[in-house]
N, C-alpha and C. Protein backbone atom coordinates (compact mmCIF):
# COMPACT_ATOMS: atom_id res chain seq x y z
N TYR A 1 52.07 -52.55 -228.92
CA TYR A 1 51.59 -52.52 -230.29
C TYR A 1 51.42 -51.16 -230.72
N TYR A 2 51.95 -50.73 -231.80
CA TYR A 2 51.71 -49.46 -232.47
C TYR A 2 50.93 -49.62 -233.77
N PRO A 3 49.80 -48.96 -233.95
CA PRO A 3 48.96 -49.24 -235.10
C PRO A 3 49.69 -48.68 -236.36
N PRO A 4 49.37 -49.20 -237.52
CA PRO A 4 49.92 -48.62 -238.75
C PRO A 4 49.56 -47.16 -238.91
N ALA A 5 50.56 -46.38 -239.31
CA ALA A 5 50.30 -44.91 -239.42
C ALA A 5 51.31 -44.39 -240.51
N PRO A 6 51.09 -44.80 -241.76
CA PRO A 6 51.94 -44.34 -242.82
C PRO A 6 51.72 -42.84 -243.15
N PRO A 7 52.78 -42.10 -243.46
CA PRO A 7 52.66 -40.69 -243.72
C PRO A 7 51.79 -40.48 -244.93
N ARG A 8 51.14 -39.36 -245.05
CA ARG A 8 50.26 -39.03 -246.19
C ARG A 8 51.08 -38.96 -247.54
N ASP A 9 50.43 -39.36 -248.55
CA ASP A 9 50.97 -39.28 -249.87
C ASP A 9 52.28 -40.08 -250.13
N THR A 10 52.41 -41.19 -249.42
CA THR A 10 53.64 -41.93 -249.61
C THR A 10 53.41 -43.34 -250.20
N GLY A 11 52.17 -43.47 -250.68
CA GLY A 11 51.84 -44.79 -251.32
C GLY A 11 51.59 -45.87 -250.27
N PRO A 12 51.40 -47.08 -250.76
CA PRO A 12 51.08 -48.19 -249.92
C PRO A 12 52.29 -48.60 -249.04
N HIS A 13 52.00 -49.02 -247.83
CA HIS A 13 53.04 -49.49 -246.95
C HIS A 13 52.66 -50.97 -246.50
N ARG A 14 53.59 -51.89 -246.49
CA ARG A 14 53.36 -53.19 -246.04
C ARG A 14 53.79 -53.34 -244.60
N TYR A 15 52.85 -53.88 -243.78
CA TYR A 15 53.17 -54.18 -242.37
C TYR A 15 53.05 -55.73 -242.21
N VAL A 16 54.07 -56.34 -241.76
CA VAL A 16 54.21 -57.75 -241.55
C VAL A 16 54.07 -58.14 -240.12
N PHE A 17 53.21 -59.13 -239.80
CA PHE A 17 53.09 -59.69 -238.46
C PHE A 17 53.69 -61.05 -238.49
N LEU A 18 54.64 -61.33 -237.52
CA LEU A 18 55.27 -62.64 -237.35
C LEU A 18 54.82 -63.22 -236.03
N LEU A 19 54.44 -64.45 -236.01
CA LEU A 19 54.08 -65.15 -234.83
C LEU A 19 55.09 -66.23 -234.52
N TYR A 20 55.70 -66.11 -233.31
CA TYR A 20 56.76 -67.01 -232.86
C TYR A 20 56.22 -67.83 -231.68
N GLN A 21 56.68 -69.14 -231.64
CA GLN A 21 56.44 -69.98 -230.54
C GLN A 21 57.61 -69.80 -229.57
N GLU A 22 57.31 -69.55 -228.30
CA GLU A 22 58.33 -69.30 -227.28
C GLU A 22 58.92 -70.60 -226.85
N PRO A 23 60.20 -70.64 -226.46
CA PRO A 23 60.82 -71.91 -226.14
C PRO A 23 60.39 -72.57 -224.83
N ASN A 24 59.78 -71.75 -223.93
CA ASN A 24 59.26 -72.29 -222.67
C ASN A 24 58.26 -71.34 -222.06
N VAL A 25 57.57 -71.76 -221.04
CA VAL A 25 56.50 -70.97 -220.46
C VAL A 25 57.10 -69.80 -219.63
N ASP A 26 58.35 -69.84 -219.17
CA ASP A 26 59.01 -68.78 -218.40
C ASP A 26 59.75 -67.87 -219.28
N PHE A 27 59.58 -67.79 -220.60
CA PHE A 27 60.33 -66.97 -221.55
C PHE A 27 60.04 -65.49 -221.28
N VAL A 28 61.13 -64.80 -221.19
CA VAL A 28 61.03 -63.33 -221.01
C VAL A 28 62.20 -62.66 -221.72
N ILE A 29 61.87 -61.61 -222.54
CA ILE A 29 62.94 -60.80 -223.04
C ILE A 29 63.44 -59.86 -222.08
N PRO A 30 64.77 -59.81 -221.79
CA PRO A 30 65.23 -58.86 -220.79
C PRO A 30 64.88 -57.43 -221.05
N ALA A 31 64.51 -56.71 -220.02
CA ALA A 31 64.05 -55.31 -220.15
C ALA A 31 65.13 -54.43 -220.80
N HIS A 32 66.42 -54.72 -220.70
CA HIS A 32 67.48 -53.89 -221.29
C HIS A 32 67.71 -54.24 -222.72
N ALA A 33 67.13 -55.30 -223.24
CA ALA A 33 67.36 -55.71 -224.59
C ALA A 33 67.00 -54.67 -225.64
N HIS A 34 67.73 -54.66 -226.73
CA HIS A 34 67.53 -53.74 -227.82
C HIS A 34 66.03 -53.83 -228.33
N GLU A 35 65.46 -54.99 -228.26
CA GLU A 35 64.12 -55.13 -228.82
C GLU A 35 63.02 -54.48 -227.96
N CYS A 36 63.41 -54.08 -226.77
CA CYS A 36 62.44 -53.45 -225.81
C CYS A 36 62.47 -51.98 -225.93
N LYS A 37 63.30 -51.40 -226.76
CA LYS A 37 63.31 -49.94 -226.89
C LYS A 37 62.11 -49.52 -227.67
N ARG A 38 61.54 -48.37 -227.35
CA ARG A 38 60.32 -47.91 -227.92
C ARG A 38 60.46 -46.96 -229.14
N GLY A 39 61.56 -46.25 -229.25
CA GLY A 39 61.61 -45.33 -230.34
C GLY A 39 61.83 -46.03 -231.69
N ALA A 40 61.22 -45.47 -232.76
CA ALA A 40 61.37 -46.09 -234.06
C ALA A 40 62.88 -46.02 -234.50
N LYS A 41 63.54 -44.97 -234.10
CA LYS A 41 64.93 -44.92 -234.46
C LYS A 41 65.81 -46.06 -233.85
N ASP A 42 65.41 -46.42 -232.58
CA ASP A 42 66.14 -47.59 -231.95
C ASP A 42 65.79 -48.91 -232.56
N ARG A 43 64.60 -48.99 -233.29
CA ARG A 43 64.21 -50.23 -233.82
C ARG A 43 64.52 -50.29 -235.35
N ALA A 44 65.10 -49.32 -235.93
CA ALA A 44 65.43 -49.30 -237.38
C ALA A 44 66.30 -50.42 -237.68
N LYS A 45 66.09 -51.06 -238.83
CA LYS A 45 66.90 -52.14 -239.38
C LYS A 45 66.89 -53.33 -238.45
N TRP A 46 65.88 -53.49 -237.64
CA TRP A 46 65.70 -54.66 -236.74
C TRP A 46 65.62 -55.90 -237.64
N ASN A 47 66.29 -56.98 -237.25
CA ASN A 47 66.31 -58.22 -238.01
C ASN A 47 65.51 -59.34 -237.32
N ALA A 48 64.37 -59.68 -237.85
CA ALA A 48 63.49 -60.67 -237.23
C ALA A 48 64.17 -62.04 -237.10
N ALA A 49 64.93 -62.43 -238.11
CA ALA A 49 65.54 -63.74 -238.12
C ALA A 49 66.63 -63.79 -236.96
N SER A 50 67.41 -62.71 -236.84
CA SER A 50 68.47 -62.65 -235.79
C SER A 50 67.79 -62.68 -234.39
N PHE A 51 66.69 -61.92 -234.26
CA PHE A 51 65.95 -61.95 -232.98
C PHE A 51 65.52 -63.37 -232.67
N ALA A 52 64.96 -64.09 -233.62
CA ALA A 52 64.42 -65.42 -233.34
C ALA A 52 65.56 -66.36 -232.98
N ASP A 53 66.69 -66.29 -233.65
CA ASP A 53 67.90 -67.13 -233.32
C ASP A 53 68.40 -66.78 -231.95
N LYS A 54 68.44 -65.52 -231.62
CA LYS A 54 68.99 -65.06 -230.33
C LYS A 54 68.17 -65.65 -229.13
N TYR A 55 66.86 -65.66 -229.27
CA TYR A 55 66.02 -66.12 -228.23
C TYR A 55 65.44 -67.50 -228.36
N GLY A 56 65.88 -68.27 -229.36
CA GLY A 56 65.42 -69.59 -229.55
C GLY A 56 63.89 -69.68 -229.96
N LEU A 57 63.43 -68.76 -230.75
CA LEU A 57 62.07 -68.73 -231.10
C LEU A 57 61.82 -69.44 -232.43
N LYS A 58 60.55 -70.12 -232.53
CA LYS A 58 60.26 -70.80 -233.78
C LYS A 58 59.09 -70.02 -234.49
N LEU A 59 59.35 -69.67 -235.73
CA LEU A 59 58.35 -68.99 -236.54
C LEU A 59 57.28 -69.97 -236.82
N VAL A 60 55.96 -69.63 -236.47
CA VAL A 60 54.84 -70.58 -236.67
C VAL A 60 53.67 -69.87 -237.49
N GLY A 61 53.79 -68.54 -237.73
CA GLY A 61 52.77 -67.95 -238.56
C GLY A 61 53.16 -66.52 -239.05
N VAL A 62 52.63 -66.20 -240.22
CA VAL A 62 53.01 -64.90 -240.81
C VAL A 62 51.65 -64.35 -241.40
N ASN A 63 51.52 -63.01 -241.39
CA ASN A 63 50.34 -62.34 -241.99
C ASN A 63 50.88 -60.93 -242.35
N TYR A 64 50.12 -60.22 -243.27
CA TYR A 64 50.53 -58.88 -243.57
C TYR A 64 49.25 -58.06 -243.88
N VAL A 65 49.43 -56.73 -243.85
CA VAL A 65 48.33 -55.93 -244.28
C VAL A 65 49.05 -54.72 -245.08
N VAL A 66 48.35 -54.22 -246.07
CA VAL A 66 48.80 -53.10 -246.89
C VAL A 66 47.95 -51.86 -246.51
N VAL A 67 48.57 -50.81 -246.13
CA VAL A 67 47.86 -49.58 -245.69
C VAL A 67 48.40 -48.39 -246.37
N ARG A 68 47.49 -47.51 -246.71
CA ARG A 68 47.86 -46.22 -247.37
C ARG A 68 47.49 -45.11 -246.38
N GLY A 69 48.33 -44.06 -246.40
CA GLY A 69 48.03 -42.86 -245.55
C GLY A 69 46.89 -42.13 -246.21
N ASP A 70 46.16 -41.34 -245.40
CA ASP A 70 45.05 -40.56 -245.88
C ASP A 70 45.55 -39.71 -247.04
N GLU A 71 44.86 -39.57 -248.15
CA GLU A 71 45.32 -38.85 -249.23
C GLU A 71 44.37 -37.58 -249.41
């Protein structure tokens, strides 16, 4: 988890949290998977729907928060 950290003076930023039900108790995303990369550049344009389809996940909850950088 990386906490919200919008740049200063860039207005409000929306952070969306998606909760998925895993297909079984032994579910593991492979360590070499694109989704396991840590850099923001590696995760740019990540597609949540494609991720869910790829791993057989079911969306069961959504929430969001709006955060502003210190001004």
